[in-house]
Amino acid sequence: MEKFNNILVALDLSDIDNTLIDYASYLADTLNLKKVYFVHNIKTYEISSLFEEQLKDINLDEVIGDELNEKVESRFKGKAEWEVLISEDPYTESLINYITNKYYIDLVVMGNKKRHKGTGVVSNKLLRLLKCDILSVPRDFTPQIKNIWAGTDFSRESRKIFNVAQMLQKATSAPVTAAYVYSVPVQFSPYVPKEAMAPKIEKHAIQKSEKFLSKLDYDGEVTPLIIPGRDSSVASNLLENAKKNKVDILIVADKGANNISNLLVGSVTEELFGEKPEIPLWISK
């Protein structure tokens, strides 16, 4: 079973920081963490030349550091140690990767802003760069884990997500569902009616799930859920059904069965990451 000790929380001085600090506080006690690092990167190159004169005598690191320390101290209720790290780096992704390696970070927690209000600090580059797990949390999400979904394709690569699921289940007693979305191959639709293919594919998916779960070294209970694919993508179907079932956290692997290189990120995972889901998305590396 997984054991997480240190997590990094990326802050950007927007209102989503409150959500992230509250969620980190919840994780600290739920997972019995040792330390939480709150990180903010000051992008000085984004500061307009119009304000250079006013800011020349101001130590931004100190001012922002004091502000974040006060905010964390007022909101963080977890028992774990915490520390605020401030840096000035032109590349936030590289900075987070550096800190992750230096401080043996097990999980990076980031804000998930809706598209029309900004993209947040999460990026596809970071998804590829980091070697540790990533948790994307939407704004104003209540910190709780009462319903866990593991989005799986029943491949060997997806086994690792059940280590995370087991850890969360042990810590919260929440039920775990292994969710799989099947789809009918479109290339056969001109020759075989979809209505005839779907039951066979579903039956095969059920058999595949039973075989996969029976061989899984899992100390707990996992309920399989086979979701029929519709016109939308696997990622969209998974998120839609997760929302309907009031899922508190969705765990997926960074790669699926179709990847031929360790350097690639799974297409479904990448799409989920870009969809800005309304529930926390945990990507297991």
C-alpha atoms as a PDB file:
ATOM      1  CA  MET A   1       0.000   0.000   0.000  1.00  0.00           C
ATOM      2  CA  GLU A   2       1.179   3.521  -0.804  1.00  0.00           C
ATOM      3  CA  LYS A   3       2.503   5.803   1.933  1.00  0.00           C
ATOM      4  CA  PHE A   4       2.652   9.527   1.256  1.00  0.00           C
ATOM      5  CA  ASN A   5       4.860  11.709   3.459  1.00  0.00           C
ATOM      6  CA  ASN A   6       5.483  15.040   1.724  1.00  0.00           C
ATOM      7  CA  ILE A   7       3.228  17.038  -0.589  1.00  0.00           C
ATOM      8  CA  LEU A   8       3.704  20.256  -2.524  1.00  0.00           C
ATOM      9  CA  VAL A   9       0.860  22.739  -2.940  1.00  0.00           C
ATOM     10  CA  ALA A  10       1.207  25.268  -5.761  1.00  0.00           C
ATOM     11  CA  LEU A  11      -0.271  28.677  -4.899  1.00  0.00           C
ATOM     12  CA  ASP A  12      -0.787  31.623  -7.273  1.00  0.00           C
ATOM     13  CA  LEU A  13      -2.209  34.384  -5.011  1.00  0.00           C
ATOM     14  CA  SER A  14      -5.719  33.981  -6.455  1.00  0.00           C
ATOM     15  CA  ASP A  15      -8.852  32.991  -4.542  1.00  0.00           C
ATOM     16  CA  ILE A  16      -8.312  29.310  -5.386  1.00  0.00           C
ATOM     17  CA  ASP A  17      -5.444  29.314  -2.871  1.00  0.00           C
ATOM     18  CA  ASN A  18      -7.994  29.106  -0.045  1.00  0.00           C
ATOM     19  CA  THR A  19      -9.432  25.905  -1.529  1.00  0.00           C
ATOM     20  CA  LEU A  20      -5.956  24.389  -1.907  1.00  0.00           C
ATOM     21  CA  ILE A  21      -4.860  25.229   1.638  1.00  0.00           C
ATOM     22  CA  ASP A  22      -8.087  23.768   3.062  1.00  0.00           C
ATOM     23  CA  TYR A  23      -7.701  20.626   0.945  1.00  0.00           C
ATOM     24  CA  ALA A  24      -4.051  20.251   1.961  1.00  0.00           C
ATOM     25  CA  SER A  25      -5.095  20.542   5.588  1.00  0.00           C
ATOM     26  CA  TYR A  26      -7.613  17.737   5.060  1.00  0.00           C
ATOM     27  CA  LEU A  27      -5.036  15.531   3.327  1.00  0.00           C
ATOM     28  CA  ALA A  28      -2.446  16.203   6.029  1.00  0.00           C
ATOM     29  CA  ASP A  29      -4.605  14.628   8.717  1.00  0.00           C
ATOM     30  CA  THR A  30      -6.327  12.034   6.522  1.00  0.00           C
ATOM     31  CA  LEU A  31      -3.049  10.628   5.148  1.00  0.00           C
ATOM     32  CA  ASN A  32      -0.960  11.421   8.236  1.00  0.00           C
ATOM     33  CA  LEU A  33       1.491  13.489   6.208  1.00  0.00           C
ATOM     34  CA  LYS A  34       4.861  14.610   7.561  1.00  0.00           C
ATOM     35  CA  LYS A  35       5.235  17.929   5.757  1.00  0.00           C
ATOM     36  CA  VAL A  36       3.410  20.227   3.366  1.00  0.00           C
ATOM     37  CA  TYR A  37       5.312  22.681   1.165  1.00  0.00           C
ATOM     38  CA  PHE A  38       3.349  25.680  -0.109  1.00  0.00           C
ATOM     39  CA  VAL A  39       5.101  27.066  -3.190  1.00  0.00           C
ATOM     40  CA  HIS A  40       4.624  30.308  -5.082  1.00  0.00           C
ATOM     41  CA  ASN A  41       6.660  31.462  -8.061  1.00  0.00           C
ATOM     42  CA  ILE A  42       6.921  35.199  -8.683  1.00  0.00           C
ATOM     43  CA  LYS A  43       7.102  35.822 -12.411  1.00  0.00           C
ATOM     44  CA  THR A  44       8.861  39.166 -12.341  1.00  0.00           C
ATOM     45  CA  TYR A  45       8.984  39.328 -16.132  1.00  0.00           C
ATOM     46  CA  GLU A  46       5.188  39.645 -16.141  1.00  0.00           C
ATOM     47  CA  ILE A  47       5.348  42.850 -14.118  1.00  0.00           C
ATOM     48  CA  SER A  48       4.840  45.782 -16.436  1.00  0.00           C
ATOM     49  CA  SER A  49       7.685  48.237 -16.901  1.00  0.00           C
ATOM     50  CA  LEU A  50       5.156  50.875 -15.827  1.00  0.00           C
ATOM     51  CA  PHE A  51       5.508  49.646 -12.227  1.00  0.00           C
ATOM     52  CA  GLU A  52       9.250  49.074 -12.117  1.00  0.00           C
ATOM     53  CA  GLU A  53       9.854  52.453 -10.477  1.00  0.00           C
ATOM     54  CA  GLN A  54       7.283  51.854  -7.738  1.00  0.00           C
ATOM     55  CA  LEU A  55       8.549  48.338  -7.035  1.00  0.00           C
ATOM     56  CA  LYS A  56      12.294  48.941  -7.151  1.00  0.00           C
ATOM     57  CA  ASP A  57      12.557  49.415  -3.381  1.00  0.00           C
ATOM     58  CA  ILE A  58      10.166  46.624  -2.483  1.00  0.00           C
ATOM     59  CA  ASN A  59      11.335  43.112  -1.642  1.00  0.00           C
ATOM     60  CA  LEU A  60       8.604  41.091  -3.357  1.00  0.00           C
ATOM     61  CA  ASP A  61       9.868  37.802  -1.963  1.00  0.00           C
ATOM     62  CA  GLU A  62       9.503  39.107   1.577  1.00  0.00           C
ATOM     63  CA  VAL A  63       6.153  40.836   1.049  1.00  0.00           C
ATOM     64  CA  ILE A  64       4.527  37.885  -0.712  1.00  0.00           C
ATOM     65  CA  GLY A  65       6.164  35.421   1.670  1.00  0.00           C
ATOM     66  CA  ASP A  66       4.695  37.244   4.679  1.00  0.00           C
ATOM     67  CA  GLU A  67       1.266  37.352   3.037  1.00  0.00           C
ATOM     68  CA  LEU A  68       1.238  33.634   2.252  1.00  0.00           C
ATOM     69  CA  ASN A  69       2.605  32.668   5.656  1.00  0.00           C
ATOM     70  CA  GLU A  70      -0.235  34.596   7.301  1.00  0.00           C
ATOM     71  CA  LYS A  71      -2.818  33.015   5.021  1.00  0.00           C
ATOM     72  CA  VAL A  72      -1.541  29.465   5.542  1.00  0.00           C
ATOM     73  CA  GLU A  73      -1.262  29.968   9.294  1.00  0.00           C
ATOM     74  CA  SER A  74      -4.874  31.138   9.480  1.00  0.00           C
ATOM     75  CA  ARG A  75      -6.348  28.369   7.287  1.00  0.00           C
ATOM     76  CA  PHE A  76      -4.140  25.298   7.663  1.00  0.00           C
ATOM     77  CA  LYS A  77      -5.493  23.142  10.488  1.00  0.00           C
ATOM     78  CA  GLY A  78      -3.561  19.932   9.804  1.00  0.00           C
ATOM     79  CA  LYS A  79      -1.096  18.418  12.248  1.00  0.00           C
ATOM     80  CA  ALA A  80       1.718  18.161   9.694  1.00  0.00           C
ATOM     81  CA  GLU A  81       4.607  20.591   9.510  1.00  0.00           C
ATOM     82  CA  TRP A  82       4.342  23.185   6.762  1.00  0.00           C
ATOM     83  CA  GLU A  83       6.609  25.657   5.026  1.00  0.00           C
ATOM     84  CA  VAL A  84       6.109  28.434   2.475  1.00  0.00           C
ATOM     85  CA  LEU A  85       8.663  28.611  -0.347  1.00  0.00           C
ATOM     86  CA  ILE A  86       8.894  31.704  -2.556  1.00  0.00           C
ATOM     87  CA  SER A  87      10.947  31.857  -5.731  1.00  0.00           C
ATOM     88  CA  GLU A  88      11.482  33.953  -8.845  1.00  0.00           C
ATOM     89  CA  ASP A  89      11.844  31.698 -11.846  1.00  0.00           C
ATOM     90  CA  PRO A  90      10.802  32.261 -15.463  1.00  0.00           C
ATOM     91  CA  TYR A  91       9.619  28.652 -15.725  1.00  0.00           C
ATOM     92  CA  THR A  92       7.140  27.573 -13.058  1.00  0.00           C
ATOM     93  CA  GLU A  93       7.058  23.966 -14.270  1.00  0.00           C
ATOM     94  CA  SER A  94      10.834  23.610 -13.975  1.00  0.00           C
ATOM     95  CA  LEU A  95      10.774  25.168 -10.509  1.00  0.00           C
ATOM     96  CA  ILE A  96       8.080  22.793  -9.266  1.00  0.00           C
ATOM     97  CA  ASN A  97       9.966  19.842 -10.739  1.00  0.00           C
ATOM     98  CA  TYR A  98      13.163  20.972  -8.973  1.00  0.00           C
ATOM     99  CA  ILE A  99      11.447  21.328  -5.595  1.00  0.00           C
ATOM    100  CA  THR A 100       9.686  18.000  -6.075  1.00  0.00           C
ATOM    101  CA  ASN A 101      13.014  16.228  -6.503  1.00  0.00           C
ATOM    102  CA  LYS A 102      14.842  18.175  -3.797  1.00  0.00           C
ATOM    103  CA  TYR A 103      12.279  17.588  -1.057  1.00  0.00           C
ATOM    104  CA  TYR A 104      11.178  14.070  -2.038  1.00  0.00           C
ATOM    105  CA  ILE A 105       7.637  15.153  -2.821  1.00  0.00           C
ATOM    106  CA  ASP A 106       5.092  12.345  -3.209  1.00  0.00           C
ATOM    107  CA  LEU A 107       2.190  14.430  -4.480  1.00  0.00           C
ATOM    108  CA  VAL A 108       1.805  17.841  -6.124  1.00  0.00           C
ATOM    109  CA  VAL A 109      -1.537  19.534  -5.443  1.00  0.00           C
ATOM    110  CA  MET A 110      -2.607  22.171  -7.949  1.00  0.00           C
ATOM    111  CA  GLY A 111      -5.598  24.381  -8.589  1.00  0.00           C
ATOM    112  CA  ASN A 112      -8.005  23.585 -11.392  1.00  0.00           C
ATOM    113  CA  LYS A 113      -9.520  26.806 -12.694  1.00  0.00           C
ATOM    114  CA  LYS A 114     -12.342  26.726 -15.188  1.00  0.00           C
ATOM    115  CA  ARG A 115     -11.321  27.693 -18.700  1.00  0.00           C
ATOM    116  CA  HIS A 116     -13.245  30.924 -18.923  1.00  0.00           C
ATOM    117  CA  LYS A 117     -11.492  32.206 -15.799  1.00  0.00           C
ATOM    118  CA  GLY A 118      -7.953  31.184 -16.621  1.00  0.00           C
ATOM    119  CA  THR A 119      -5.892  28.076 -17.037  1.00  0.00           C
ATOM    120  CA  GLY A 120      -4.206  27.966 -13.633  1.00  0.00           C
ATOM    121  CA  VAL A 121      -0.716  26.620 -13.088  1.00  0.00           C
ATOM    122  CA  VAL A 122      -1.500  23.126 -14.275  1.00  0.00           C
ATOM    123  CA  SER A 123      -0.104  22.393 -17.716  1.00  0.00           C
ATOM    124  CA  ASN A 124       0.423  19.418 -19.973  1.00  0.00           C
ATOM    125  CA  LYS A 125       4.145  20.103 -19.713  1.00  0.00           C
ATOM    126  CA  LEU A 126       3.995  19.581 -15.957  1.00  0.00           C
ATOM    127  CA  LEU A 127       1.996  16.407 -16.453  1.00  0.00           C
ATOM    128  CA  ARG A 128       4.900  15.020 -18.484  1.00  0.00           C
ATOM    129  CA  LEU A 129       7.686  16.531 -16.390  1.00  0.00           C
ATOM    130  CA  LEU A 130       6.847  15.381 -12.872  1.00  0.00           C
ATOM    131  CA  LYS A 131       7.687  11.888 -11.679  1.00  0.00           C
ATOM    132  CA  CYS A 132       5.389  12.063  -8.661  1.00  0.00           C
ATOM    133  CA  ASP A 133       1.588  11.930  -8.481  1.00  0.00           C
ATOM    134  CA  ILE A 134      -0.494  15.006  -9.291  1.00  0.00           C
ATOM    135  CA  LEU A 135      -3.800  16.067  -7.749  1.00  0.00           C
ATOM    136  CA  SER A 136      -5.864  18.726  -9.519  1.00  0.00           C
ATOM    137  CA  VAL A 137      -8.484  20.355  -7.254  1.00  0.00           C
ATOM    138  CA  PRO A 138     -11.313  22.594  -8.543  1.00  0.00           C
ATOM    139  CA  ARG A 139     -12.157  25.896  -6.902  1.00  0.00           C
ATOM    140  CA  ASP A 140     -14.471  25.792  -3.853  1.00  0.00           C
ATOM    141  CA  PHE A 141     -14.494  21.986  -3.667  1.00  0.00           C
ATOM    142  CA  THR A 142     -15.315  20.792  -0.139  1.00  0.00           C
ATOM    143  CA  PRO A 143     -12.429  18.696   1.253  1.00  0.00           C
ATOM    144  CA  GLN A 144     -13.942  15.254   1.704  1.00  0.00           C
ATOM    145  CA  ILE A 145     -13.472  11.743   0.328  1.00  0.00           C
ATOM    146  CA  LYS A 146     -16.623   9.666   0.693  1.00  0.00           C
ATOM    147  CA  ASN A 147     -16.828   8.177  -2.800  1.00  0.00           C
ATOM    148  CA  ILE A 148     -13.707   7.055  -4.707  1.00  0.00           C
ATOM    149  CA  TRP A 149     -13.559   6.124  -8.381  1.00  0.00           C
ATOM    150  CA  ALA A 150     -10.598   4.471 -10.070  1.00  0.00           C
ATOM    151  CA  GLY A 151     -10.822   5.062 -13.805  1.00  0.00           C
ATOM    152  CA  THR A 152      -9.253   2.001 -15.384  1.00  0.00           C
ATOM    153  CA  ASP A 153      -8.827   0.174 -18.671  1.00  0.00           C
ATOM    154  CA  PHE A 154      -7.923  -3.049 -16.791  1.00  0.00           C
ATOM    155  CA  SER A 155      -4.374  -2.919 -18.115  1.00  0.00           C
ATOM    156  CA  ARG A 156      -1.169  -3.666 -16.252  1.00  0.00           C
ATOM    157  CA  GLU A 157      -0.350   0.044 -16.328  1.00  0.00           C
ATOM    158  CA  SER A 158      -3.539   0.877 -14.427  1.00  0.00           C
ATOM    159  CA  ARG A 159      -2.796  -1.435 -11.490  1.00  0.00           C
ATOM    160  CA  LYS A 160      -0.894   1.311  -9.690  1.00  0.00           C
ATOM    161  CA  ILE A 161      -4.007   3.439  -9.261  1.00  0.00           C
ATOM    162  CA  PHE A 162      -5.411   0.793  -6.933  1.00  0.00           C
ATOM    163  CA  ASN A 163      -2.471   1.330  -4.577  1.00  0.00           C
ATOM    164  CA  VAL A 164      -3.649   4.929  -4.249  1.00  0.00           C
ATOM    165  CA  ALA A 165      -7.291   3.839  -4.005  1.00  0.00           C
ATOM    166  CA  GLN A 166      -6.428   1.377  -1.234  1.00  0.00           C
ATOM    167  CA  MET A 167      -4.511   4.052   0.688  1.00  0.00           C
ATOM    168  CA  LEU A 168      -7.450   6.465   0.463  1.00  0.00           C
ATOM    169  CA  GLN A 169      -9.969   3.756   1.313  1.00  0.00           C
ATOM    170  CA  LYS A 170      -8.004   2.707   4.418  1.00  0.00           C
ATOM    171  CA  ALA A 171      -7.794   6.336   5.517  1.00  0.00           C
ATOM    172  CA  THR A 172     -11.430   7.277   4.861  1.00  0.00           C
ATOM    173  CA  SER A 173     -13.449   4.003   4.696  1.00  0.00           C
ATOM    174  CA  ALA A 174     -14.924   5.317   1.435  1.00  0.00           C
ATOM    175  CA  PRO A 175     -16.156   2.781  -1.139  1.00  0.00           C
ATOM    176  CA  VAL A 176     -13.992   2.279  -4.240  1.00  0.00           C
ATOM    177  CA  THR A 177     -15.440   1.783  -7.726  1.00  0.00           C
ATOM    178  CA  ALA A 178     -13.382   0.541 -10.674  1.00  0.00           C
ATOM    179  CA  ALA A 179     -14.983   2.470 -13.543  1.00  0.00           C
ATOM    180  CA  TYR A 180     -14.448   1.375 -17.133  1.00  0.00           C
ATOM    181  CA  VAL A 181     -15.914   3.027 -20.222  1.00  0.00           C
ATOM    182  CA  TYR A 182     -16.279   0.765 -23.249  1.00  0.00           C
ATOM    183  CA  SER A 183     -16.994   1.918 -26.765  1.00  0.00           C
ATOM    184  CA  VAL A 184     -18.020   0.226 -29.999  1.00  0.00           C
ATOM    185  CA  PRO A 185     -15.272   0.421 -32.652  1.00  0.00           C
ATOM    186  CA  VAL A 186     -16.558   2.802 -35.313  1.00  0.00           C
ATOM    187  CA  GLN A 187     -14.647   1.074 -38.113  1.00  0.00           C
ATOM    188  CA  PHE A 188     -16.997  -1.910 -37.910  1.00  0.00           C
ATOM    189  CA  SER A 189     -20.253   0.043 -37.752  1.00  0.00           C
ATOM    190  CA  PRO A 190     -20.948  -0.057 -41.520  1.00  0.00           C
ATOM    191  CA  TYR A 191     -20.886  -3.873 -41.449  1.00  0.00           C
ATOM    192  CA  VAL A 192     -22.147  -4.820 -37.983  1.00  0.00           C
ATOM    193  CA  PRO A 193     -24.991  -2.882 -36.318  1.00  0.00           C
ATOM    194  CA  LYS A 194     -23.973  -1.136 -33.098  1.00  0.00           C
ATOM    195  CA  GLU A 195     -26.979  -2.702 -31.343  1.00  0.00           C
ATOM    196  CA  ALA A 196     -25.579  -6.150 -32.057  1.00  0.00           C
ATOM    197  CA  MET A 197     -22.016  -5.332 -31.044  1.00  0.00           C
ATOM    198  CA  ALA A 198     -22.648  -3.466 -27.799  1.00  0.00           C
ATOM    199  CA  PRO A 199     -23.932  -6.435 -25.700  1.00  0.00           C
ATOM    200  CA  LYS A 200     -20.968  -8.579 -26.737  1.00  0.00           C
ATOM    201  CA  ILE A 201     -18.469  -5.838 -25.966  1.00  0.00           C
ATOM    202  CA  GLU A 202     -20.115  -5.200 -22.608  1.00  0.00           C
ATOM    203  CA  LYS A 203     -20.024  -8.905 -21.739  1.00  0.00           C
ATOM    204  CA  HIS A 204     -16.353  -9.046 -22.680  1.00  0.00           C
ATOM    205  CA  ALA A 205     -15.674  -5.947 -20.526  1.00  0.00           C
ATOM    206  CA  ILE A 206     -17.390  -7.559 -17.525  1.00  0.00           C
ATOM    207  CA  GLN A 207     -15.311 -10.717 -17.919  1.00  0.00           C
ATOM    208  CA  LYS A 208     -12.165  -8.631 -18.283  1.00  0.00           C
ATOM    209  CA  SER A 209     -12.960  -6.659 -15.130  1.00  0.00           C
ATOM    210  CA  GLU A 210     -13.620  -9.814 -13.093  1.00  0.00           C
ATOM    211  CA  LYS A 211     -10.329 -11.338 -14.194  1.00  0.00           C
ATOM    212  CA  PHE A 212      -8.414  -8.135 -13.524  1.00  0.00           C
ATOM    213  CA  LEU A 213      -9.848  -7.580 -10.045  1.00  0.00           C
ATOM    214  CA  SER A 214      -9.391 -11.231  -9.046  1.00  0.00           C
ATOM    215  CA  LYS A 215      -5.656 -10.940  -9.699  1.00  0.00           C
ATOM    216  CA  LEU A 216      -5.316  -7.566  -8.015  1.00  0.00           C
ATOM    217  CA  ASP A 217      -3.390  -7.540  -4.742  1.00  0.00           C
ATOM    218  CA  TYR A 218      -5.939  -5.383  -2.978  1.00  0.00           C
ATOM    219  CA  ASP A 219      -6.754  -5.413   0.721  1.00  0.00           C
ATOM    220  CA  GLY A 220     -10.302  -4.131   0.591  1.00  0.00           C
ATOM    221  CA  GLU A 221     -13.394  -4.132  -1.582  1.00  0.00           C
ATOM    222  CA  VAL A 222     -13.626  -2.790  -5.128  1.00  0.00           C
ATOM    223  CA  THR A 223     -16.894  -2.626  -7.054  1.00  0.00           C
ATOM    224  CA  PRO A 224     -16.633  -2.823 -10.856  1.00  0.00           C
ATOM    225  CA  LEU A 225     -18.728  -0.463 -12.982  1.00  0.00           C
ATOM    226  CA  ILE A 226     -18.999  -0.909 -16.746  1.00  0.00           C
ATOM    227  CA  ILE A 227     -20.123   2.285 -18.488  1.00  0.00           C
ATOM    228  CA  PRO A 228     -21.393   2.107 -22.074  1.00  0.00           C
ATOM    229  CA  GLY A 229     -19.631   4.586 -24.292  1.00  0.00           C
ATOM    230  CA  ARG A 230     -21.788   7.003 -26.201  1.00  0.00           C
ATOM    231  CA  ASP A 231     -21.014   9.593 -28.836  1.00  0.00           C
ATOM    232  CA  SER A 232     -18.672  11.516 -26.559  1.00  0.00           C
ATOM    233  CA  SER A 233     -15.131  10.484 -25.627  1.00  0.00           C
ATOM    234  CA  VAL A 234     -14.073   8.076 -22.881  1.00  0.00           C
ATOM    235  CA  ALA A 235     -12.879  11.001 -20.747  1.00  0.00           C
ATOM    236  CA  SER A 236     -16.157  12.909 -21.135  1.00  0.00           C
ATOM    237  CA  ASN A 237     -18.218   9.815 -20.334  1.00  0.00           C
ATOM    238  CA  LEU A 238     -16.124   9.088 -17.277  1.00  0.00           C
ATOM    239  CA  LEU A 239     -16.469  12.624 -15.938  1.00  0.00           C
ATOM    240  CA  GLU A 240     -20.181  12.816 -16.713  1.00  0.00           C
ATOM    241  CA  ASN A 241     -20.903   9.584 -14.840  1.00  0.00           C
ATOM    242  CA  ALA A 242     -18.602  10.509 -11.969  1.00  0.00           C
ATOM    243  CA  LYS A 243     -20.492  13.757 -11.503  1.00  0.00           C
ATOM    244  CA  LYS A 244     -23.869  11.968 -11.595  1.00  0.00           C
ATOM    245  CA  ASN A 245     -22.655   9.548  -8.926  1.00  0.00           C
ATOM    246  CA  LYS A 246     -21.321  12.349  -6.704  1.00  0.00           C
ATOM    247  CA  VAL A 247     -17.754  11.097  -6.795  1.00  0.00           C
ATOM    248  CA  ASP A 248     -15.340  12.976  -4.506  1.00  0.00           C
ATOM    249  CA  ILE A 249     -12.118  11.934  -6.214  1.00  0.00           C
ATOM    250  CA  LEU A 250     -11.248  10.264  -9.518  1.00  0.00           C
ATOM    251  CA  ILE A 251      -7.940   8.386  -9.762  1.00  0.00           C
ATOM    252  CA  VAL A 252      -6.391   7.582 -13.143  1.00  0.00           C
ATOM    253  CA  ALA A 253      -2.996   6.374 -14.334  1.00  0.00           C
ATOM    254  CA  ASP A 254      -0.721   8.666 -16.306  1.00  0.00           C
ATOM    255  CA  LYS A 255      -0.537   6.061 -19.063  1.00  0.00           C
ATOM    256  CA  GLY A 256      -2.908   3.436 -20.399  1.00  0.00           C
ATOM    257  CA  ALA A 257      -2.545   0.195 -22.280  1.00  0.00           C
ATOM    258  CA  ASN A 258      -2.014   1.836 -25.670  1.00  0.00           C
ATOM    259  CA  ASN A 259       1.198   3.707 -24.866  1.00  0.00           C
ATOM    260  CA  ILE A 260       4.365   2.302 -26.358  1.00  0.00           C
ATOM    261  CA  SER A 261       6.762   4.709 -24.661  1.00  0.00           C
ATOM    262  CA  ASN A 262       7.332   5.707 -21.029  1.00  0.00           C
ATOM    263  CA  LEU A 263       7.704   9.275 -22.279  1.00  0.00           C
ATOM    264  CA  LEU A 264       4.095   9.452 -23.439  1.00  0.00           C
ATOM    265  CA  VAL A 265       1.063  10.478 -21.435  1.00  0.00           C
ATOM    266  CA  GLY A 266      -2.119   8.513 -22.033  1.00  0.00           C
ATOM    267  CA  SER A 267      -4.580  10.232 -24.350  1.00  0.00           C
ATOM    268  CA  VAL A 268      -7.524   9.717 -21.976  1.00  0.00           C
ATOM    269  CA  THR A 269      -5.541  11.053 -19.016  1.00  0.00           C
ATOM    270  CA  GLU A 270      -4.389  14.059 -21.015  1.00  0.00           C
ATOM    271  CA  GLU A 271      -7.958  14.779 -22.077  1.00  0.00           C
ATOM    272  CA  LEU A 272      -9.209  14.440 -18.496  1.00  0.00           C
ATOM    273  CA  PHE A 273      -6.495  16.847 -17.392  1.00  0.00           C
ATOM    274  CA  GLY A 274      -7.555  19.365 -20.027  1.00  0.00           C
ATOM    275  CA  GLU A 275     -11.295  19.004 -19.381  1.00  0.00           C
ATOM    276  CA  LYS A 276     -11.036  20.936 -16.101  1.00  0.00           C
ATOM    277  CA  PRO A 277     -13.165  18.389 -14.190  1.00  0.00           C
ATOM    278  CA  GLU A 278     -15.468  19.583 -11.440  1.00  0.00           C
ATOM    279  CA  ILE A 279     -14.094  16.950  -9.063  1.00  0.00           C
ATOM    280  CA  PRO A 280     -10.530  16.368  -7.821  1.00  0.00           C
ATOM    281  CA  LEU A 281      -8.479  14.383 -10.334  1.00  0.00           C
ATOM    282  CA  TRP A 282      -5.601  12.286  -8.962  1.00  0.00           C
ATOM    283  CA  ILE A 283      -3.073  11.181 -11.576  1.00  0.00           C
ATOM    284  CA  SER A 284      -0.947   8.277 -10.443  1.00  0.00           C
ATOM    285  CA  LYS A 285       2.568   8.084 -11.808  1.00  0.00           C
END
